[in-house]
Amino acid sequence: GVPFFIAAPTTTIDPGAGDRRAIPIEFRASEEVGGYGETRWSPEGTEAYNPAFDVTPARFISAIVTELGVAKPPFDVSLRGLLESG
């Protein structure tokens, strides 16, 4: 498959989060993606699916690049090592 890398600061990593399905995802306002300034690309009042972030399943991730180094699978072990070294 195609390698998939994530670049993220360690402040966004929560080793205690557990299963990805248990992570609460904030949803942002539809207006944030419906236009810019005076320009609209969706009709006024249109609803949009606008999560603040997503959670990519670990099986699709080749490595996670952080300011402390690169974590490779298994991520529970490599990320713990990076976080403890920082």
PDB file of N, CA and C in Angstrom:
ATOM      1  N   GLY A   1       0.803  -1.186   0.000  1.00  0.00           N
ATOM      2  CA  GLY A   1       0.000   0.000   0.000  1.00  0.00           C
ATOM      3  C   GLY A   1       0.851   1.256   0.000  1.00  0.00           C
ATOM      4  N   VAL A   2       0.196   2.353  -0.015  1.00  0.00           N
ATOM      5  CA  VAL A   2       0.832   3.665  -0.007  1.00  0.00           C
ATOM      6  C   VAL A   2       1.172   4.038   1.430  1.00  0.00           C
ATOM      7  N   PRO A   3       2.440   4.404   1.705  1.00  0.00           N
ATOM      8  CA  PRO A   3       2.804   4.814   3.068  1.00  0.00           C
ATOM      9  C   PRO A   3       2.000   6.052   3.492  1.00  0.00           C
ATOM     10  N   PHE A   4       1.603   6.070   4.756  1.00  0.00           N
ATOM     11  CA  PHE A   4       0.826   7.182   5.299  1.00  0.00           C
ATOM     12  C   PHE A   4       1.496   7.636   6.583  1.00  0.00           C
ATOM     13  N   PHE A   5       1.979   8.875   6.593  1.00  0.00           N
ATOM     14  CA  PHE A   5       2.693   9.422   7.740  1.00  0.00           C
ATOM     15  C   PHE A   5       1.859  10.523   8.387  1.00  0.00           C
ATOM     16  N   ILE A   6       1.954  10.605   9.701  1.00  0.00           N
ATOM     17  CA  ILE A   6       1.282  11.656  10.455  1.00  0.00           C
ATOM     18  C   ILE A   6       2.351  12.535  11.082  1.00  0.00           C
ATOM     19  N   ALA A   7       2.195  13.842  10.970  1.00  0.00           N
ATOM     20  CA  ALA A   7       3.067  14.790  11.666  1.00  0.00           C
ATOM     21  C   ALA A   7       2.216  15.435  12.753  1.00  0.00           C
ATOM     22  N   ALA A   8       2.634  15.270  14.012  1.00  0.00           N
ATOM     23  CA  ALA A   8       1.826  15.772  15.118  1.00  0.00           C
ATOM     24  C   ALA A   8       2.706  16.090  16.314  1.00  0.00           C
ATOM     25  N   PRO A   9       2.397  17.164  17.035  1.00  0.00           N
ATOM     26  CA  PRO A   9       3.131  17.436  18.273  1.00  0.00           C
ATOM     27  C   PRO A   9       2.712  16.427  19.340  1.00  0.00           C
ATOM     28  N   THR A  10       3.609  16.125  20.255  1.00  0.00           N
ATOM     29  CA  THR A  10       3.289  15.151  21.298  1.00  0.00           C
ATOM     30  C   THR A  10       2.168  15.635  22.220  1.00  0.00           C
ATOM     31  N   THR A  11       1.897  16.930  22.220  1.00  0.00           N
ATOM     32  CA  THR A  11       0.800  17.442  23.051  1.00  0.00           C
ATOM     33  C   THR A  11      -0.559  16.934  22.577  1.00  0.00           C
ATOM     34  N   THR A  12      -0.625  16.408  21.352  1.00  0.00           N
ATOM     35  CA  THR A  12      -1.893  15.887  20.831  1.00  0.00           C
ATOM     36  C   THR A  12      -2.029  14.380  21.053  1.00  0.00           C
ATOM     37  N   ILE A  13      -1.043  13.769  21.689  1.00  0.00           N
ATOM     38  CA  ILE A  13      -1.059  12.325  21.919  1.00  0.00           C
ATOM     39  C   ILE A  13      -1.501  12.051  23.353  1.00  0.00           C
ATOM     40  N   ASP A  14      -2.538  11.245  23.485  1.00  0.00           N
ATOM     41  CA  ASP A  14      -3.050  10.869  24.804  1.00  0.00           C
ATOM     42  C   ASP A  14      -2.897   9.364  24.967  1.00  0.00           C
ATOM     43  N   PRO A  15      -1.825   8.923  25.645  1.00  0.00           N
ATOM     44  CA  PRO A  15      -1.601   7.483  25.780  1.00  0.00           C
ATOM     45  C   PRO A  15      -2.688   6.773  26.581  1.00  0.00           C
ATOM     46  N   GLY A  16      -3.476   7.499  27.322  1.00  0.00           N
ATOM     47  CA  GLY A  16      -4.540   6.889  28.105  1.00  0.00           C
ATOM     48  C   GLY A  16      -5.886   6.872  27.401  1.00  0.00           C
ATOM     49  N   ALA A  17      -5.914   7.280  26.140  1.00  0.00           N
ATOM     50  CA  ALA A  17      -7.186   7.396  25.424  1.00  0.00           C
ATOM     51  C   ALA A  17      -7.850   6.051  25.163  1.00  0.00           C
ATOM     52  N   GLY A  18      -7.079   4.994  25.073  1.00  0.00           N
ATOM     53  CA  GLY A  18      -7.681   3.686  24.830  1.00  0.00           C
ATOM     54  C   GLY A  18      -8.156   3.532  23.407  1.00  0.00           C
ATOM     55  N   ASP A  19      -9.251   2.853  23.245  1.00  0.00           N
ATOM     56  CA  ASP A  19      -9.814   2.572  21.933  1.00  0.00           C
ATOM     57  C   ASP A  19     -10.213   3.862  21.229  1.00  0.00           C
ATOM     58  N   ARG A  20      -9.885   3.961  19.953  1.00  0.00           N
ATOM     59  CA  ARG A  20     -10.156   5.185  19.191  1.00  0.00           C
ATOM     60  C   ARG A  20     -11.636   5.544  19.169  1.00  0.00           C
ATOM     61  N   ARG A  21     -12.504   4.549  19.291  1.00  0.00           N
ATOM     62  CA  ARG A  21     -13.947   4.817  19.278  1.00  0.00           C
ATOM     63  C   ARG A  21     -14.407   5.528  20.542  1.00  0.00           C
ATOM     64  N   ALA A  22     -13.568   5.541  21.579  1.00  0.00           N
ATOM     65  CA  ALA A  22     -13.929   6.202  22.834  1.00  0.00           C
ATOM     66  C   ALA A  22     -13.489   7.666  22.865  1.00  0.00           C
ATOM     67  N   ILE A  23     -12.789   8.117  21.826  1.00  0.00           N
ATOM     68  CA  ILE A  23     -12.287   9.490  21.787  1.00  0.00           C
ATOM     69  C   ILE A  23     -13.417  10.426  21.346  1.00  0.00           C
ATOM     70  N   PRO A  24     -13.778  11.398  22.178  1.00  0.00           N
ATOM     71  CA  PRO A  24     -14.841  12.327  21.772  1.00  0.00           C
ATOM     72  C   PRO A  24     -14.325  13.279  20.692  1.00  0.00           C
ATOM     73  N   ILE A  25     -15.088  13.409  19.636  1.00  0.00           N
ATOM     74  CA  ILE A  25     -14.701  14.295  18.538  1.00  0.00           C
ATOM     75  C   ILE A  25     -15.621  15.504  18.541  1.00  0.00           C
ATOM     76  N   GLU A  26     -15.003  16.676  18.621  1.00  0.00           N
ATOM     77  CA  GLU A  26     -15.755  17.931  18.592  1.00  0.00           C
ATOM     78  C   GLU A  26     -16.215  18.199  17.163  1.00  0.00           C
ATOM     79  N   PHE A  27     -17.441  18.642  17.014  1.00  0.00           N
ATOM     80  CA  PHE A  27     -17.941  19.039  15.700  1.00  0.00           C
ATOM     81  C   PHE A  27     -18.036  20.552  15.653  1.00  0.00           C
ATOM     82  N   ARG A  28     -17.532  21.102  14.558  1.00  0.00           N
ATOM     83  CA  ARG A  28     -17.477  22.547  14.389  1.00  0.00           C
ATOM     84  C   ARG A  28     -18.690  23.025  13.599  1.00  0.00           C
ATOM     85  N   ALA A  29     -18.885  24.334  13.587  1.00  0.00           N
ATOM     86  CA  ALA A  29     -20.025  24.945  12.902  1.00  0.00           C
ATOM     87  C   ALA A  29     -19.940  24.736  11.392  1.00  0.00           C
ATOM     88  N   SER A  30     -21.082  24.509  10.777  1.00  0.00           N
ATOM     89  CA  SER A  30     -21.151  24.335   9.323  1.00  0.00           C
ATOM     90  C   SER A  30     -20.642  25.571   8.587  1.00  0.00           C
ATOM     91  N   GLU A  31     -20.855  26.743   9.185  1.00  0.00           N
ATOM     92  CA  GLU A  31     -20.440  27.999   8.539  1.00  0.00           C
ATOM     93  C   GLU A  31     -18.938  28.055   8.277  1.00  0.00           C
ATOM     94  N   GLU A  32     -18.151  27.309   9.047  1.00  0.00           N
ATOM     95  CA  GLU A  32     -16.693  27.348   8.883  1.00  0.00           C
ATOM     96  C   GLU A  32     -16.234  26.777   7.548  1.00  0.00           C
ATOM     97  N   VAL A  33     -17.044  25.923   6.928  1.00  0.00           N
ATOM     98  CA  VAL A  33     -16.634  25.297   5.669  1.00  0.00           C
ATOM     99  C   VAL A  33     -17.547  25.662   4.504  1.00  0.00           C
ATOM    100  N   GLY A  34     -18.520  26.536   4.734  1.00  0.00           N
ATOM    101  CA  GLY A  34     -19.472  26.896   3.693  1.00  0.00           C
ATOM    102  C   GLY A  34     -19.072  28.087   2.857  1.00  0.00           C
ATOM    103  N   GLY A  35     -17.963  28.706   3.196  1.00  0.00           N
ATOM    104  CA  GLY A  35     -17.526  29.866   2.441  1.00  0.00           C
ATOM    105  C   GLY A  35     -16.355  30.538   3.126  1.00  0.00           C
ATOM    106  N   TYR A  36     -15.903  31.622   2.515  1.00  0.00           N
ATOM    107  CA  TYR A  36     -14.804  32.397   3.082  1.00  0.00           C
ATOM    108  C   TYR A  36     -15.087  33.864   2.814  1.00  0.00           C
ATOM    109  N   GLY A  37     -15.130  34.654   3.880  1.00  0.00           N
ATOM    110  CA  GLY A  37     -15.424  36.078   3.714  1.00  0.00           C
ATOM    111  C   GLY A  37     -16.802  36.256   3.091  1.00  0.00           C
ATOM    112  N   GLU A  38     -16.860  37.002   2.004  1.00  0.00           N
ATOM    113  CA  GLU A  38     -18.124  37.252   1.306  1.00  0.00           C
ATOM    114  C   GLU A  38     -18.470  36.146   0.312  1.00  0.00           C
ATOM    115  N   THR A  39     -17.535  35.249   0.042  1.00  0.00           N
ATOM    116  CA  THR A  39     -17.748  34.197  -0.955  1.00  0.00           C
ATOM    117  C   THR A  39     -18.333  32.952  -0.306  1.00  0.00           C
ATOM    118  N   ARG A  40     -19.468  32.479  -0.832  1.00  0.00           N
ATOM    119  CA  ARG A  40     -20.109  31.258  -0.330  1.00  0.00           C
ATOM    120  C   ARG A  40     -20.053  30.200  -1.424  1.00  0.00           C
ATOM    121  N   TRP A  41     -19.741  28.975  -1.060  1.00  0.00           N
ATOM    122  CA  TRP A  41     -19.794  27.874  -2.021  1.00  0.00           C
ATOM    123  C   TRP A  41     -20.840  26.842  -1.640  1.00  0.00           C
ATOM    124  N   SER A  42     -21.577  27.134  -0.587  1.00  0.00           N
ATOM    125  CA  SER A  42     -22.752  26.322  -0.263  1.00  0.00           C
ATOM    126  C   SER A  42     -23.886  27.278   0.087  1.00  0.00           C
ATOM    127  N   PRO A  43     -25.117  26.882  -0.180  1.00  0.00           N
ATOM    128  CA  PRO A  43     -26.242  27.771   0.126  1.00  0.00           C
ATOM    129  C   PRO A  43     -26.300  28.113   1.616  1.00  0.00           C
ATOM    130  N   GLU A  44     -26.697  29.321   1.919  1.00  0.00           N
ATOM    131  CA  GLU A  44     -26.841  29.777   3.305  1.00  0.00           C
ATOM    132  C   GLU A  44     -27.727  28.800   4.072  1.00  0.00           C
ATOM    133  N   GLY A  45     -27.294  28.418   5.271  1.00  0.00           N
ATOM    134  CA  GLY A  45     -28.074  27.515   6.107  1.00  0.00           C
ATOM    135  C   GLY A  45     -27.857  26.039   5.833  1.00  0.00           C
ATOM    136  N   THR A  46     -27.004  25.717   4.867  1.00  0.00           N
ATOM    137  CA  THR A  46     -26.727  24.319   4.552  1.00  0.00           C
ATOM    138  C   THR A  46     -25.950  23.680   5.696  1.00  0.00           C
ATOM    139  N   GLU A  47     -26.354  22.483   6.091  1.00  0.00           N
ATOM    140  CA  GLU A  47     -25.643  21.743   7.130  1.00  0.00           C
ATOM    141  C   GLU A  47     -24.431  21.044   6.520  1.00  0.00           C
ATOM    142  N   ALA A  48     -23.355  20.955   7.286  1.00  0.00           N
ATOM    143  CA  ALA A  48     -22.145  20.272   6.825  1.00  0.00           C
ATOM    144  C   ALA A  48     -21.610  19.390   7.945  1.00  0.00           C
ATOM    145  N   TYR A  49     -21.069  18.252   7.579  1.00  0.00           N
ATOM    146  CA  TYR A  49     -20.385  17.372   8.524  1.00  0.00           C
ATOM    147  C   TYR A  49     -18.993  17.964   8.693  1.00  0.00           C
ATOM    148  N   ASN A  50     -18.683  18.505   9.875  1.00  0.00           N
ATOM    149  CA  ASN A  50     -17.451  19.262  10.065  1.00  0.00           C
ATOM    150  C   ASN A  50     -16.768  18.888  11.382  1.00  0.00           C
ATOM    151  N   PRO A  51     -16.163  17.678  11.446  1.00  0.00           N
ATOM    152  CA  PRO A  51     -15.449  17.309  12.669  1.00  0.00           C
ATOM    153  C   PRO A  51     -14.179  18.143  12.812  1.00  0.00           C
ATOM    154  N   ALA A  52     -13.798  18.450  14.052  1.00  0.00           N
ATOM    155  CA  ALA A  52     -12.592  19.239  14.304  1.00  0.00           C
ATOM    156  C   ALA A  52     -11.331  18.447  13.946  1.00  0.00           C
ATOM    157  N   PHE A  53     -11.412  17.121  14.011  1.00  0.00           N
ATOM    158  CA  PHE A  53     -10.292  16.252  13.639  1.00  0.00           C
ATOM    159  C   PHE A  53     -10.851  14.868  13.374  1.00  0.00           C
ATOM    160  N   ASP A  54      -9.996  13.990  12.866  1.00  0.00           N
ATOM    161  CA  ASP A  54     -10.421  12.607  12.682  1.00  0.00           C
ATOM    162  C   ASP A  54      -9.451  11.688  13.412  1.00  0.00           C
ATOM    163  N   VAL A  55      -9.809  10.437  13.504  1.00  0.00           N
ATOM    164  CA  VAL A  55      -8.953   9.441  14.135  1.00  0.00           C
ATOM    165  C   VAL A  55      -8.701   8.356  13.093  1.00  0.00           C
ATOM    166  N   THR A  56      -7.461   8.296  12.604  1.00  0.00           N
ATOM    167  CA  THR A  56      -7.091   7.302  11.600  1.00  0.00           C
ATOM    168  C   THR A  56      -6.745   5.990  12.291  1.00  0.00           C
ATOM    169  N   PRO A  57      -7.339   4.876  11.867  1.00  0.00           N
ATOM    170  CA  PRO A  57      -6.989   3.584  12.463  1.00  0.00           C
ATOM    171  C   PRO A  57      -5.495   3.293  12.322  1.00  0.00           C
ATOM    172  N   ALA A  58      -4.890   2.778  13.380  1.00  0.00           N
ATOM    173  CA  ALA A  58      -3.441   2.543  13.422  1.00  0.00           C
ATOM    174  C   ALA A  58      -2.960   1.659  12.281  1.00  0.00           C
ATOM    175  N   ARG A  59      -3.787   0.737  11.813  1.00  0.00           N
ATOM    176  CA  ARG A  59      -3.348  -0.182  10.751  1.00  0.00           C
ATOM    177  C   ARG A  59      -3.038   0.538   9.441  1.00  0.00           C
ATOM    178  N   PHE A  60      -3.521   1.769   9.282  1.00  0.00           N
ATOM    179  CA  PHE A  60      -3.266   2.539   8.068  1.00  0.00           C
ATOM    180  C   PHE A  60      -2.067   3.478   8.198  1.00  0.00           C
ATOM    181  N   ILE A  61      -1.473   3.582   9.377  1.00  0.00           N
ATOM    182  CA  ILE A  61      -0.412   4.559   9.635  1.00  0.00           C
ATOM    183  C   ILE A  61       0.957   3.897   9.551  1.00  0.00           C
ATOM    184  N   SER A  62       1.851   4.461   8.735  1.00  0.00           N
ATOM    185  CA  SER A  62       3.218   3.946   8.595  1.00  0.00           C
ATOM    186  C   SER A  62       4.098   4.421   9.737  1.00  0.00           C
ATOM    187  N   ALA A  63       3.969   5.692  10.114  1.00  0.00           N
ATOM    188  CA  ALA A  63       4.767   6.259  11.204  1.00  0.00           C
ATOM    189  C   ALA A  63       4.144   7.580  11.638  1.00  0.00           C
ATOM    190  N   ILE A  64       4.466   7.970  12.875  1.00  0.00           N
ATOM    191  CA  ILE A  64       4.025   9.256  13.414  1.00  0.00           C
ATOM    192  C   ILE A  64       5.277  10.071  13.713  1.00  0.00           C
ATOM    193  N   VAL A  65       5.407  11.205  13.048  1.00  0.00           N
ATOM    194  CA  VAL A  65       6.571  12.075  13.204  1.00  0.00           C
ATOM    195  C   VAL A  65       6.234  13.146  14.240  1.00  0.00           C
ATOM    196  N   THR A  66       7.041  13.230  15.299  1.00  0.00           N
ATOM    197  CA  THR A  66       6.826  14.219  16.358  1.00  0.00           C
ATOM    198  C   THR A  66       8.107  15.019  16.568  1.00  0.00           C
ATOM    199  N   GLU A  67       8.035  16.026  17.430  1.00  0.00           N
ATOM    200  CA  GLU A  67       9.233  16.814  17.749  1.00  0.00           C
ATOM    201  C   GLU A  67      10.250  16.010  18.553  1.00  0.00           C
ATOM    202  N   LEU A  68       9.835  14.868  19.097  1.00  0.00           N
ATOM    203  CA  LEU A  68      10.743  14.026  19.888  1.00  0.00           C
ATOM    204  C   LEU A  68      11.316  12.861  19.095  1.00  0.00           C
ATOM    205  N   GLY A  69      10.820  12.664  17.886  1.00  0.00           N
ATOM    206  CA  GLY A  69      11.296  11.562  17.059  1.00  0.00           C
ATOM    207  C   GLY A  69      10.158  10.929  16.283  1.00  0.00           C
ATOM    208  N   VAL A  70      10.471   9.788  15.674  1.00  0.00           N
ATOM    209  CA  VAL A  70       9.512   9.087  14.830  1.00  0.00           C
ATOM    210  C   VAL A  70       9.046   7.813  15.531  1.00  0.00           C
ATOM    211  N   ALA A  71       7.750   7.647  15.652  1.00  0.00           N
ATOM    212  CA  ALA A  71       7.168   6.444  16.249  1.00  0.00           C
ATOM    213  C   ALA A  71       6.706   5.526  15.126  1.00  0.00           C
ATOM    214  N   LYS A  72       7.049   4.246  15.255  1.00  0.00           N
ATOM    215  CA  LYS A  72       6.629   3.238  14.280  1.00  0.00           C
ATOM    216  C   LYS A  72       5.836   2.159  15.009  1.00  0.00           C
ATOM    217  N   PRO A  73       5.050   1.380  14.277  1.00  0.00           N
ATOM    218  CA  PRO A  73       4.282   0.305  14.927  1.00  0.00           C
ATOM    219  C   PRO A  73       5.201  -0.664  15.664  1.00  0.00           C
ATOM    220  N   PRO A  74       4.757  -1.194  16.771  1.00  0.00           N
ATOM    221  CA  PRO A  74       3.493  -0.964  17.477  1.00  0.00           C
ATOM    222  C   PRO A  74       3.525   0.378  18.210  1.00  0.00           C
ATOM    223  N   PHE A  75       2.526   1.199  17.959  1.00  0.00           N
ATOM    224  CA  PHE A  75       2.518   2.573  18.457  1.00  0.00           C
ATOM    225  C   PHE A  75       2.383   2.687  19.970  1.00  0.00           C
ATOM    226  N   ASP A  76       1.713   1.741  20.609  1.00  0.00           N
ATOM    227  CA  ASP A  76       1.602   1.838  22.068  1.00  0.00           C
ATOM    228  C   ASP A  76       2.981   1.788  22.716  1.00  0.00           C
ATOM    229  N   VAL A  77       3.883   1.011  22.147  1.00  0.00           N
ATOM    230  CA  VAL A  77       5.244   0.895  22.687  1.00  0.00           C
ATOM    231  C   VAL A  77       6.101   2.083  22.263  1.00  0.00           C
ATOM    232  N   SER A  78       6.121   2.396  20.959  1.00  0.00           N
ATOM    233  CA  SER A  78       7.015   3.451  20.464  1.00  0.00           C
ATOM    234  C   SER A  78       6.602   4.835  20.951  1.00  0.00           C
ATOM    235  N   LEU A  79       5.303   5.112  21.024  1.00  0.00           N
ATOM    236  CA  LEU A  79       4.866   6.420  21.516  1.00  0.00           C
ATOM    237  C   LEU A  79       5.158   6.572  23.004  1.00  0.00           C
ATOM    238  N   ARG A  80       4.955   5.509  23.768  1.00  0.00           N
ATOM    239  CA  ARG A  80       5.275   5.567  25.200  1.00  0.00           C
ATOM    240  C   ARG A  80       6.756   5.893  25.376  1.00  0.00           C
ATOM    241  N   GLY A  81       7.615   5.251  24.582  1.00  0.00           N
ATOM    242  CA  GLY A  81       9.049   5.517  24.659  1.00  0.00           C
ATOM    243  C   GLY A  81       9.385   6.960  24.338  1.00  0.00           C
ATOM    244  N   LEU A  82       8.762   7.511  23.293  1.00  0.00           N
ATOM    245  CA  LEU A  82       9.004   8.916  22.939  1.00  0.00           C
ATOM    246  C   LEU A  82       8.541   9.850  24.052  1.00  0.00           C
ATOM    247  N   LEU A  83       7.352   9.604  24.568  1.00  0.00           N
ATOM    248  CA  LEU A  83       6.804  10.481  25.609  1.00  0.00           C
ATOM    249  C   LEU A  83       7.632  10.421  26.888  1.00  0.00           C
ATOM    250  N   GLU A  84       8.144   9.254  27.227  1.00  0.00           N
ATOM    251  CA  GLU A  84       8.978   9.126  28.427  1.00  0.00           C
ATOM    252  C   GLU A  84      10.344   9.769  28.234  1.00  0.00           C
ATOM    253  N   SER A  85      10.831   9.848  26.985  1.00  0.00           N
ATOM    254  CA  SER A  85      12.141  10.450  26.721  1.00  0.00           C
ATOM    255  C   SER A  85      12.075  11.972  26.709  1.00  0.00           C
ATOM    256  N   GLY A  86      10.870  12.511  26.470  1.00  0.00           N
ATOM    257  CA  GLY A  86      10.716  13.952  26.325  1.00  0.00           C
ATOM    258  C   GLY A  86      10.539  14.610  27.624  1.00  0.00           C
TER     259      GLY A  86
END
